[in-house]
Amino acid sequence: GTLLPLTLLPMGVQEVMRWMPFYYIQYLPASLFLGLKADEGISGLLIIAGWTAGFLLLGEWAWRVLRRDDEGVGA
């Protein structure tokens, strides 16, 4: 949404991008500020919260699993 406005992309690509976190980091806040996508505010918060929770869980899992494999003591 920063280099290329998402509204220039085909509708199918726009629908896929709405499930990715990039849409909610750059494009939606600017659209909300300009008053263009006022109806997507709550759903945007829920989707970005889901991505955040998913990445937190992935990070916790990676920490537990990979910490045992490579401790790096005395490296």
PDB file of N, CA and C in Angstrom:
ATOM      1  N   GLY A   1       0.790  -1.196   0.000  1.00  0.00           N
ATOM      2  CA  GLY A   1       0.000   0.000   0.000  1.00  0.00           C
ATOM      3  C   GLY A   1       0.832   1.258   0.000  1.00  0.00           C
ATOM      4  N   THR A   2       2.139   1.156   0.319  1.00  0.00           N
ATOM      5  CA  THR A   2       2.966   2.350   0.375  1.00  0.00           C
ATOM      6  C   THR A   2       3.504   2.714  -0.998  1.00  0.00           C
ATOM      7  N   LEU A   3       4.088   1.771  -1.692  1.00  0.00           N
ATOM      8  CA  LEU A   3       4.658   2.052  -3.002  1.00  0.00           C
ATOM      9  C   LEU A   3       3.616   2.017  -4.106  1.00  0.00           C
ATOM     10  N   LEU A   4       2.660   1.108  -4.005  1.00  0.00           N
ATOM     11  CA  LEU A   4       1.614   0.951  -5.002  1.00  0.00           C
ATOM     12  C   LEU A   4       0.272   0.916  -4.276  1.00  0.00           C
ATOM     13  N   PRO A   5      -0.609   1.858  -4.558  1.00  0.00           N
ATOM     14  CA  PRO A   5      -1.916   1.828  -3.886  1.00  0.00           C
ATOM     15  C   PRO A   5      -2.656   0.526  -4.181  1.00  0.00           C
ATOM     16  N   LEU A   6      -3.185  -0.082  -3.148  1.00  0.00           N
ATOM     17  CA  LEU A   6      -3.854  -1.370  -3.303  1.00  0.00           C
ATOM     18  C   LEU A   6      -5.120  -1.261  -4.134  1.00  0.00           C
ATOM     19  N   THR A   7      -5.681  -0.067  -4.245  1.00  0.00           N
ATOM     20  CA  THR A   7      -6.887   0.094  -5.046  1.00  0.00           C
ATOM     21  C   THR A   7      -6.607  -0.059  -6.537  1.00  0.00           C
ATOM     22  N   LEU A   8      -5.350  -0.010  -6.941  1.00  0.00           N
ATOM     23  CA  LEU A   8      -4.998  -0.210  -8.349  1.00  0.00           C
ATOM     24  C   LEU A   8      -4.914  -1.685  -8.717  1.00  0.00           C
ATOM     25  N   LEU A   9      -4.871  -2.557  -7.731  1.00  0.00           N
ATOM     26  CA  LEU A   9      -4.776  -3.993  -7.982  1.00  0.00           C
ATOM     27  C   LEU A   9      -6.149  -4.574  -8.272  1.00  0.00           C
ATOM     28  N   PRO A  10      -6.210  -5.726  -8.957  1.00  0.00           N
ATOM     29  CA  PRO A  10      -7.514  -6.379  -9.199  1.00  0.00           C
ATOM     30  C   PRO A  10      -8.192  -6.766  -7.881  1.00  0.00           C
ATOM     31  N   MET A  11      -9.514  -6.898  -7.916  1.00  0.00           N
ATOM     32  CA  MET A  11     -10.276  -7.191  -6.700  1.00  0.00           C
ATOM     33  C   MET A  11      -9.857  -8.502  -6.040  1.00  0.00           C
ATOM     34  N   GLY A  12      -9.490  -9.509  -6.817  1.00  0.00           N
ATOM     35  CA  GLY A  12      -9.046 -10.775  -6.236  1.00  0.00           C
ATOM     36  C   GLY A  12      -7.787 -10.600  -5.403  1.00  0.00           C
ATOM     37  N   VAL A  13      -6.863  -9.811  -5.897  1.00  0.00           N
ATOM     38  CA  VAL A  13      -5.621  -9.546  -5.162  1.00  0.00           C
ATOM     39  C   VAL A  13      -5.917  -8.714  -3.922  1.00  0.00           C
ATOM     40  N   GLN A  14      -6.830  -7.763  -4.042  1.00  0.00           N
ATOM     41  CA  GLN A  14      -7.204  -6.946  -2.881  1.00  0.00           C
ATOM     42  C   GLN A  14      -7.812  -7.810  -1.781  1.00  0.00           C
ATOM     43  N   GLU A  15      -8.632  -8.782  -2.145  1.00  0.00           N
ATOM     44  CA  GLU A  15      -9.246  -9.668  -1.147  1.00  0.00           C
ATOM     45  C   GLU A  15      -8.195 -10.517  -0.436  1.00  0.00           C
ATOM     46  N   VAL A  16      -7.200 -10.994  -1.171  1.00  0.00           N
ATOM     47  CA  VAL A  16      -6.110 -11.773  -0.556  1.00  0.00           C
ATOM     48  C   VAL A  16      -5.295 -10.880   0.370  1.00  0.00           C
ATOM     49  N   MET A  17      -5.023  -9.651  -0.062  1.00  0.00           N
ATOM     50  CA  MET A  17      -4.222  -8.735   0.753  1.00  0.00           C
ATOM     51  C   MET A  17      -4.923  -8.343   2.049  1.00  0.00           C
ATOM     52  N   ARG A  18      -6.241  -8.423   2.072  1.00  0.00           N
ATOM     53  CA  ARG A  18      -6.974  -8.069   3.290  1.00  0.00           C
ATOM     54  C   ARG A  18      -6.758  -9.086   4.411  1.00  0.00           C
ATOM     55  N   TRP A  19      -6.223 -10.239   4.100  1.00  0.00           N
ATOM     56  CA  TRP A  19      -5.921 -11.235   5.130  1.00  0.00           C
ATOM     57  C   TRP A  19      -4.465 -11.215   5.536  1.00  0.00           C
ATOM     58  N   MET A  20      -3.659 -10.373   4.907  1.00  0.00           N
ATOM     59  CA  MET A  20      -2.235 -10.261   5.222  1.00  0.00           C
ATOM     60  C   MET A  20      -2.024  -9.093   6.187  1.00  0.00           C
ATOM     61  N   PRO A  21      -0.988  -9.138   7.009  1.00  0.00           N
ATOM     62  CA  PRO A  21      -0.794  -8.061   7.981  1.00  0.00           C
ATOM     63  C   PRO A  21      -0.365  -6.737   7.349  1.00  0.00           C
ATOM     64  N   PHE A  22       0.211  -6.765   6.158  1.00  0.00           N
ATOM     65  CA  PHE A  22       0.723  -5.541   5.538  1.00  0.00           C
ATOM     66  C   PHE A  22      -0.396  -4.544   5.258  1.00  0.00           C
ATOM     67  N   TYR A  23      -1.544  -5.053   4.897  1.00  0.00           N
ATOM     68  CA  TYR A  23      -2.702  -4.205   4.617  1.00  0.00           C
ATOM     69  C   TYR A  23      -3.066  -3.375   5.845  1.00  0.00           C
ATOM     70  N   TYR A  24      -2.958  -3.970   7.020  1.00  0.00           N
ATOM     71  CA  TYR A  24      -3.391  -3.315   8.249  1.00  0.00           C
ATOM     72  C   TYR A  24      -2.300  -2.470   8.890  1.00  0.00           C
ATOM     73  N   ILE A  25      -1.080  -2.608   8.432  1.00  0.00           N
ATOM     74  CA  ILE A  25       0.018  -1.816   8.979  1.00  0.00           C
ATOM     75  C   ILE A  25       0.134  -0.484   8.263  1.00  0.00           C
ATOM     76  N   GLN A  26       0.002  -0.481   6.951  1.00  0.00           N
ATOM     77  CA  GLN A  26       0.193   0.731   6.169  1.00  0.00           C
ATOM     78  C   GLN A  26      -1.102   1.293   5.590  1.00  0.00           C
ATOM     79  N   TYR A  27      -1.848   0.472   4.889  1.00  0.00           N
ATOM     80  CA  TYR A  27      -2.951   0.960   4.081  1.00  0.00           C
ATOM     81  C   TYR A  27      -4.176   1.350   4.901  1.00  0.00           C
ATOM     82  N   LEU A  28      -4.618   0.481   5.793  1.00  0.00           N
ATOM     83  CA  LEU A  28      -5.845   0.747   6.543  1.00  0.00           C
ATOM     84  C   LEU A  28      -5.735   1.960   7.463  1.00  0.00           C
ATOM     85  N   PRO A  29      -4.643   2.158   8.206  1.00  0.00           N
ATOM     86  CA  PRO A  29      -4.582   3.367   9.032  1.00  0.00           C
ATOM     87  C   PRO A  29      -4.696   4.663   8.215  1.00  0.00           C
ATOM     88  N   ALA A  30      -4.055   4.689   7.062  1.00  0.00           N
ATOM     89  CA  ALA A  30      -4.168   5.881   6.214  1.00  0.00           C
ATOM     90  C   ALA A  30      -5.592   6.036   5.692  1.00  0.00           C
ATOM     91  N   SER A  31      -6.227   4.921   5.314  1.00  0.00           N
ATOM     92  CA  SER A  31      -7.604   4.983   4.822  1.00  0.00           C
ATOM     93  C   SER A  31      -8.571   5.422   5.920  1.00  0.00           C
ATOM     94  N   LEU A  32      -8.351   4.947   7.142  1.00  0.00           N
ATOM     95  CA  LEU A  32      -9.197   5.373   8.259  1.00  0.00           C
ATOM     96  C   LEU A  32      -9.023   6.858   8.542  1.00  0.00           C
ATOM     97  N   PHE A  33      -7.797   7.331   8.476  1.00  0.00           N
ATOM     98  CA  PHE A  33      -7.526   8.751   8.720  1.00  0.00           C
ATOM     99  C   PHE A  33      -8.215   9.624   7.677  1.00  0.00           C
ATOM    100  N   LEU A  34      -8.238   9.161   6.431  1.00  0.00           N
ATOM    101  CA  LEU A  34      -8.873   9.916   5.358  1.00  0.00           C
ATOM    102  C   LEU A  34     -10.384   9.699   5.289  1.00  0.00           C
ATOM    103  N   GLY A  35     -10.899   8.762   6.092  1.00  0.00           N
ATOM    104  CA  GLY A  35     -12.322   8.507   6.133  1.00  0.00           C
ATOM    105  C   GLY A  35     -12.827   7.635   4.993  1.00  0.00           C
ATOM    106  N   LEU A  36     -11.939   6.872   4.364  1.00  0.00           N
ATOM    107  CA  LEU A  36     -12.328   6.063   3.223  1.00  0.00           C
ATOM    108  C   LEU A  36     -12.850   4.683   3.607  1.00  0.00           C
ATOM    109  N   LYS A  37     -12.310   4.076   4.638  1.00  0.00           N
ATOM    110  CA  LYS A  37     -12.661   2.695   5.017  1.00  0.00           C
ATOM    111  C   LYS A  37     -13.124   2.633   6.468  1.00  0.00           C
ATOM    112  N   ALA A  38     -14.055   3.472   6.838  1.00  0.00           N
ATOM    113  CA  ALA A  38     -14.484   3.558   8.236  1.00  0.00           C
ATOM    114  C   ALA A  38     -15.115   2.260   8.726  1.00  0.00           C
ATOM    115  N   ASP A  39     -15.694   1.460   7.832  1.00  0.00           N
ATOM    116  CA  ASP A  39     -16.367   0.234   8.253  1.00  0.00           C
ATOM    117  C   ASP A  39     -15.396  -0.911   8.525  1.00  0.00           C
ATOM    118  N   GLU A  40     -14.123  -0.770   8.186  1.00  0.00           N
ATOM    119  CA  GLU A  40     -13.146  -1.845   8.379  1.00  0.00           C
ATOM    120  C   GLU A  40     -12.294  -1.673   9.636  1.00  0.00           C
ATOM    121  N   GLY A  41     -12.573  -0.702  10.463  1.00  0.00           N
ATOM    122  CA  GLY A  41     -11.737  -0.435  11.634  1.00  0.00           C
ATOM    123  C   GLY A  41     -11.703  -1.577  12.631  1.00  0.00           C
ATOM    124  N   ILE A  42     -12.867  -2.068  13.032  1.00  0.00           N
ATOM    125  CA  ILE A  42     -12.940  -3.131  14.044  1.00  0.00           C
ATOM    126  C   ILE A  42     -12.424  -4.449  13.477  1.00  0.00           C
ATOM    127  N   SER A  43     -12.828  -4.786  12.259  1.00  0.00           N
ATOM    128  CA  SER A  43     -12.353  -6.041  11.668  1.00  0.00           C
ATOM    129  C   SER A  43     -10.840  -5.992  11.456  1.00  0.00           C
ATOM    130  N   GLY A  44     -10.309  -4.825  11.127  1.00  0.00           N
ATOM    131  CA  GLY A  44      -8.862  -4.675  10.981  1.00  0.00           C
ATOM    132  C   GLY A  44      -8.127  -4.919  12.287  1.00  0.00           C
ATOM    133  N   LEU A  45      -8.680  -4.398  13.371  1.00  0.00           N
ATOM    134  CA  LEU A  45      -8.071  -4.638  14.681  1.00  0.00           C
ATOM    135  C   LEU A  45      -8.097  -6.116  15.047  1.00  0.00           C
ATOM    136  N   LEU A  46      -9.191  -6.792  14.744  1.00  0.00           N
ATOM    137  CA  LEU A  46      -9.292  -8.214  15.058  1.00  0.00           C
ATOM    138  C   LEU A  46      -8.314  -9.049  14.234  1.00  0.00           C
ATOM    139  N   ILE A  47      -8.176  -8.733  12.958  1.00  0.00           N
ATOM    140  CA  ILE A  47      -7.262  -9.505  12.116  1.00  0.00           C
ATOM    141  C   ILE A  47      -5.816  -9.255  12.509  1.00  0.00           C
ATOM    142  N   ILE A  48      -5.435  -8.010  12.778  1.00  0.00           N
ATOM    143  CA  ILE A  48      -4.042  -7.741  13.165  1.00  0.00           C
ATOM    144  C   ILE A  48      -3.766  -8.313  14.556  1.00  0.00           C
ATOM    145  N   ALA A  49      -4.788  -8.383  15.425  1.00  0.00           N
ATOM    146  CA  ALA A  49      -4.606  -9.034  16.734  1.00  0.00           C
ATOM    147  C   ALA A  49      -4.387 -10.528  16.549  1.00  0.00           C
ATOM    148  N   GLY A  50      -5.089 -11.128  15.598  1.00  0.00           N
ATOM    149  CA  GLY A  50      -4.877 -12.546  15.303  1.00  0.00           C
ATOM    150  C   GLY A  50      -3.473 -12.816  14.780  1.00  0.00           C
ATOM    151  N   TRP A  51      -2.996 -11.971  13.875  1.00  0.00           N
ATOM    152  CA  TRP A  51      -1.625 -12.121  13.368  1.00  0.00           C
ATOM    153  C   TRP A  51      -0.608 -11.952  14.505  1.00  0.00           C
ATOM    154  N   THR A  52      -0.850 -10.984  15.376  1.00  0.00           N
ATOM    155  CA  THR A  52       0.075 -10.752  16.492  1.00  0.00           C
ATOM    156  C   THR A  52       0.104 -11.952  17.425  1.00  0.00           C
ATOM    157  N   ALA A  53      -1.065 -12.466  17.778  1.00  0.00           N
ATOM    158  CA  ALA A  53      -1.126 -13.639  18.659  1.00  0.00           C
ATOM    159  C   ALA A  53      -0.468 -14.848  17.998  1.00  0.00           C
ATOM    160  N   GLY A  54      -0.689 -15.018  16.706  1.00  0.00           N
ATOM    161  CA  GLY A  54      -0.076 -16.129  15.996  1.00  0.00           C
ATOM    162  C   GLY A  54       1.442 -16.051  15.989  1.00  0.00           C
ATOM    163  N   PHE A  55       1.965 -14.862  15.750  1.00  0.00           N
ATOM    164  CA  PHE A  55       3.420 -14.707  15.750  1.00  0.00           C
ATOM    165  C   PHE A  55       4.004 -14.818  17.154  1.00  0.00           C
ATOM    166  N   LEU A  56       3.270 -14.393  18.172  1.00  0.00           N
ATOM    167  CA  LEU A  56       3.744 -14.585  19.549  1.00  0.00           C
ATOM    168  C   LEU A  56       3.809 -16.072  19.889  1.00  0.00           C
ATOM    169  N   LEU A  57       2.793 -16.822  19.503  1.00  0.00           N
ATOM    170  CA  LEU A  57       2.805 -18.266  19.742  1.00  0.00           C
ATOM    171  C   LEU A  57       3.920 -18.956  18.952  1.00  0.00           C
ATOM    172  N   LEU A  58       4.117 -18.547  17.709  1.00  0.00           N
ATOM    173  CA  LEU A  58       5.200 -19.100  16.904  1.00  0.00           C
ATOM    174  C   LEU A  58       6.562 -18.791  17.521  1.00  0.00           C
ATOM    175  N   GLY A  59       6.727 -17.588  18.038  1.00  0.00           N
ATOM    176  CA  GLY A  59       7.979 -17.219  18.685  1.00  0.00           C
ATOM    177  C   GLY A  59       8.243 -18.012  19.957  1.00  0.00           C
ATOM    178  N   GLU A  60       7.190 -18.215  20.749  1.00  0.00           N
ATOM    179  CA  GLU A  60       7.336 -19.018  21.964  1.00  0.00           C
ATOM    180  C   GLU A  60       7.700 -20.457  21.630  1.00  0.00           C
ATOM    181  N   TRP A  61       7.029 -21.018  20.629  1.00  0.00           N
ATOM    182  CA  TRP A  61       7.336 -22.378  20.209  1.00  0.00           C
ATOM    183  C   TRP A  61       8.774 -22.476  19.701  1.00  0.00           C
ATOM    184  N   ALA A  62       9.188 -21.536  18.867  1.00  0.00           N
ATOM    185  CA  ALA A  62      10.549 -21.549  18.331  1.00  0.00           C
ATOM    186  C   ALA A  62      11.573 -21.401  19.457  1.00  0.00           C
ATOM    187  N   TRP A  63      11.295 -20.571  20.438  1.00  0.00           N
ATOM    188  CA  TRP A  63      12.218 -20.390  21.554  1.00  0.00           C
ATOM    189  C   TRP A  63      12.392 -21.701  22.319  1.00  0.00           C
ATOM    190  N   ARG A  64      11.285 -22.374  22.610  1.00  0.00           N
ATOM    191  CA  ARG A  64      11.372 -23.632  23.368  1.00  0.00           C
ATOM    192  C   ARG A  64      12.103 -24.723  22.595  1.00  0.00           C
ATOM    193  N   VAL A  65      11.795 -24.857  21.318  1.00  0.00           N
ATOM    194  CA  VAL A  65      12.378 -25.935  20.520  1.00  0.00           C
ATOM    195  C   VAL A  65      13.829 -25.641  20.169  1.00  0.00           C
ATOM    196  N   LEU A  66      14.117 -24.457  19.693  1.00  0.00           N
ATOM    197  CA  LEU A  66      15.455 -24.141  19.196  1.00  0.00           C
ATOM    198  C   LEU A  66      16.446 -23.860  20.318  1.00  0.00           C
ATOM    199  N   ARG A  67      15.978 -23.493  21.479  1.00  0.00           N
ATOM    200  CA  ARG A  67      16.883 -23.242  22.596  1.00  0.00           C
ATOM    201  C   ARG A  67      17.589 -24.517  23.012  1.00  0.00           C
ATOM    202  N   ARG A  68      16.882 -25.649  22.926  1.00  0.00           N
ATOM    203  CA  ARG A  68      17.488 -26.928  23.276  1.00  0.00           C
ATOM    204  C   ARG A  68      18.536 -27.364  22.242  1.00  0.00           C
ATOM    205  N   ASP A  69      18.313 -27.025  20.993  1.00  0.00           N
ATOM    206  CA  ASP A  69      19.214 -27.444  19.918  1.00  0.00           C
ATOM    207  C   ASP A  69      20.515 -26.666  19.887  1.00  0.00           C
ATOM    208  N   ASP A  70      20.466 -25.365  20.191  1.00  0.00           N
ATOM    209  CA  ASP A  70      21.649 -24.523  20.085  1.00  0.00           C
ATOM    210  C   ASP A  70      21.701 -23.564  21.245  1.00  0.00           C
ATOM    211  N   GLU A  71      22.498 -23.912  22.249  1.00  0.00           N
ATOM    212  CA  GLU A  71      22.588 -23.043  23.413  1.00  0.00           C
ATOM    213  C   GLU A  71      23.605 -21.932  23.210  1.00  0.00           C
ATOM    214  N   GLY A  72      24.618 -22.160  22.408  1.00  0.00           N
ATOM    215  CA  GLY A  72      25.609 -21.127  22.118  1.00  0.00           C
ATOM    216  C   GLY A  72      26.468 -20.733  23.309  1.00  0.00           C
ATOM    217  N   VAL A  73      26.727 -21.650  24.212  1.00  0.00           N
ATOM    218  CA  VAL A  73      27.526 -21.348  25.395  1.00  0.00           C
ATOM    219  C   VAL A  73      28.993 -21.245  25.012  1.00  0.00           C
ATOM    220  N   GLY A  74      29.613 -20.162  25.360  1.00  0.00           N
ATOM    221  CA  GLY A  74      31.048 -19.977  25.086  1.00  0.00           C
ATOM    222  C   GLY A  74      31.373 -19.755  23.630  1.00  0.00           C
ATOM    223  N   ALA A  75      30.406 -19.304  22.882  1.00  0.00           N
ATOM    224  CA  ALA A  75      30.640 -19.086  21.447  1.00  0.00           C
ATOM    225  C   ALA A  75      31.586 -17.946  21.281  1.00  0.00           C
TER     226      ALA A  75
END
